[in-house]
C-alpha atoms as a PDB file:
ATOM      1  CA  UNK A   1      84.961  93.743  97.946  1.00  0.00           C
ATOM      2  CA  UNK A   2      87.284  95.049  95.268  1.00  0.00           C
ATOM      3  CA  UNK A   3      89.079  92.623  92.973  1.00  0.00           C
ATOM      4  CA  UNK A   4      91.638  95.218  91.958  1.00  0.00           C
ATOM      5  CA  UNK A   5      95.126  94.144  92.939  1.00  0.00           C
ATOM      6  CA  UNK A   6      97.272  96.645  94.828  1.00  0.00           C
ATOM      7  CA  UNK A   7     100.389  98.072  93.274  1.00  0.00           C
ATOM      8  CA  UNK A   8     103.583  96.536  94.583  1.00  0.00           C
ATOM      9  CA  UNK A   9     105.962  99.318  95.653  1.00  0.00           C
ATOM     10  CA  UNK A  10     109.653  99.034  94.765  1.00  0.00           C
ATOM     11  CA  UNK A  11     110.553  98.742  98.452  1.00  0.00           C
ATOM     12  CA  UNK A  12     108.202  95.789  98.934  1.00  0.00           C
ATOM     13  CA  UNK A  13     109.570  94.092  95.810  1.00  0.00           C
ATOM     14  CA  UNK A  14     113.115  94.574  97.137  1.00  0.00           C
ATOM     15  CA  UNK A  15     112.233  93.095 100.528  1.00  0.00           C
ATOM     16  CA  UNK A  16     110.588  90.036  98.990  1.00  0.00           C
ATOM     17  CA  UNK A  17     113.450  89.511  96.546  1.00  0.00           C
ATOM     18  CA  UNK A  18     115.888  89.582  99.459  1.00  0.00           C
ATOM     19  CA  UNK A  19     113.785  87.037 101.359  1.00  0.00           C
ATOM     20  CA  UNK A  20     114.008  84.646  98.408  1.00  0.00           C
ATOM     21  CA  UNK A  21     117.726  85.333  97.876  1.00  0.00           C
ATOM     22  CA  UNK A  22     117.208  86.952  94.490  1.00  0.00           C
ATOM     23  CA  UNK A  23     118.514  90.483  95.014  1.00  0.00           C
ATOM     24  CA  UNK A  24     116.796  93.422  96.616  1.00  0.00           C
ATOM     25  CA  UNK A  25     117.666  94.409 100.145  1.00  0.00           C
ATOM     26  CA  UNK A  26     116.612  93.091 103.552  1.00  0.00           C
ATOM     27  CA  UNK A  27     113.559  94.319 105.375  1.00  0.00           C
ATOM     28  CA  UNK A  28     113.553  95.136 109.064  1.00  0.00           C
ATOM     29  CA  UNK A  29     112.956  92.362 111.589  1.00  0.00           C
ATOM     30  CA  UNK A  30     109.173  92.803 111.828  1.00  0.00           C
ATOM     31  CA  UNK A  31     108.671  93.024 108.073  1.00  0.00           C
ATOM     32  CA  UNK A  32     110.957  90.051 107.420  1.00  0.00           C
ATOM     33  CA  UNK A  33     108.898  88.071 109.920  1.00  0.00           C
ATOM     34  CA  UNK A  34     105.728  89.095 108.052  1.00  0.00           C
ATOM     35  CA  UNK A  35     107.190  88.000 104.710  1.00  0.00           C
ATOM     36  CA  UNK A  36     108.302  84.709 106.249  1.00  0.00           C
ATOM     37  CA  UNK A  37     104.845  84.119 107.738  1.00  0.00           C
ATOM     38  CA  UNK A  38     103.142  84.749 104.397  1.00  0.00           C
ATOM     39  CA  UNK A  39     105.656  82.433 102.728  1.00  0.00           C
ATOM     40  CA  UNK A  40     105.096  79.585 105.229  1.00  0.00           C
ATOM     41  CA  UNK A  41     101.399  79.978 106.051  1.00  0.00           C
ATOM     42  CA  UNK A  42      98.695  77.490 105.171  1.00  0.00           C
ATOM     43  CA  UNK A  43      96.052  78.671 102.694  1.00  0.00           C
ATOM     44  CA  UNK A  44      93.610  80.000 105.311  1.00  0.00           C
ATOM     45  CA  UNK A  45      96.158  82.013 107.256  1.00  0.00           C
ATOM     46  CA  UNK A  46      97.914  83.162 104.081  1.00  0.00           C
ATOM     47  CA  UNK A  47      94.589  84.595 102.868  1.00  0.00           C
ATOM     48  CA  UNK A  48      94.175  86.473 106.158  1.00  0.00           C
ATOM     49  CA  UNK A  49      97.704  87.891 105.995  1.00  0.00           C
ATOM     50  CA  UNK A  50      97.273  88.852 102.328  1.00  0.00           C
ATOM     51  CA  UNK A  51      94.046  90.682 103.191  1.00  0.00           C
ATOM     52  CA  UNK A  52      95.786  92.668 105.909  1.00  0.00           C
ATOM     53  CA  UNK A  53      99.014  93.242 103.933  1.00  0.00           C
ATOM     54  CA  UNK A  54      98.027  93.039 100.249  1.00  0.00           C
ATOM     55  CA  UNK A  55     101.230  94.476  98.782  1.00  0.00           C
ATOM     56  CA  UNK A  56     103.468  91.998 100.619  1.00  0.00           C
ATOM     57  CA  UNK A  57     100.986  89.196  99.998  1.00  0.00           C
ATOM     58  CA  UNK A  58     100.903  89.824  96.263  1.00  0.00           C
ATOM     59  CA  UNK A  59     104.691  90.104  96.080  1.00  0.00           C
ATOM     60  CA  UNK A  60     105.253  86.827  97.946  1.00  0.00           C
ATOM     61  CA  UNK A  61     102.658  84.996  95.863  1.00  0.00           C
ATOM     62  CA  UNK A  62     104.177  86.411  92.694  1.00  0.00           C
ATOM     63  CA  UNK A  63     107.638  85.206  93.734  1.00  0.00           C
ATOM     64  CA  UNK A  64     106.429  81.746  94.748  1.00  0.00           C
ATOM     65  CA  UNK A  65     103.866  80.843  92.124  1.00  0.00           C
ATOM     66  CA  UNK A  66     104.394  82.877  88.949  1.00  0.00           C
ATOM     67  CA  UNK A  67     107.072  81.533  86.618  1.00  0.00           C
ATOM     68  CA  UNK A  68     108.058  85.132  85.744  1.00  0.00           C
ATOM     69  CA  UNK A  69     107.398  86.485  89.240  1.00  0.00           C
ATOM     70  CA  UNK A  70     111.028  87.023  90.254  1.00  0.00           C
ATOM     71  CA  UNK A  71     111.732  88.879  86.999  1.00  0.00           C
ATOM     72  CA  UNK A  72     108.648  91.047  87.525  1.00  0.00           C
ATOM     73  CA  UNK A  73     109.703  91.870  91.094  1.00  0.00           C
ATOM     74  CA  UNK A  74     113.248  92.650  89.907  1.00  0.00           C
ATOM     75  CA  UNK A  75     111.832  95.025  87.298  1.00  0.00           C
ATOM     76  CA  UNK A  76     109.634  96.716  89.921  1.00  0.00           C
ATOM     77  CA  UNK A  77     112.544  97.011  92.362  1.00  0.00           C
ATOM     78  CA  UNK A  78     114.672  98.512  89.596  1.00  0.00           C
ATOM     79  CA  UNK A  79     112.005 101.078  88.759  1.00  0.00           C
ATOM     80  CA  UNK A  80     111.444  99.608  85.298  1.00  0.00           C
ATOM     81  CA  UNK A  81     107.791  98.733  85.747  1.00  0.00           C
ATOM     82  CA  UNK A  82     104.909  99.595  88.043  1.00  0.00           C
ATOM     83  CA  UNK A  83     102.851  96.584  89.106  1.00  0.00           C
END
């Protein structure tokens, strides 16, 4: 199993920022439901969702648990950095 983290695309960063009310733009219904599930899931189910959807998983975890995560996602969404 690879330990390399996937790159977070600007679109994913924008969707996650919108979910947390920090800018970006809304995802479609299905994708917003996915983001919400990752956000609310217990550790076991979050790990499963992050395995299946690593870019959204990483973006949600970055927003929730990294003190600079929102700023990083805003930079990615703005095309200022590739994560």
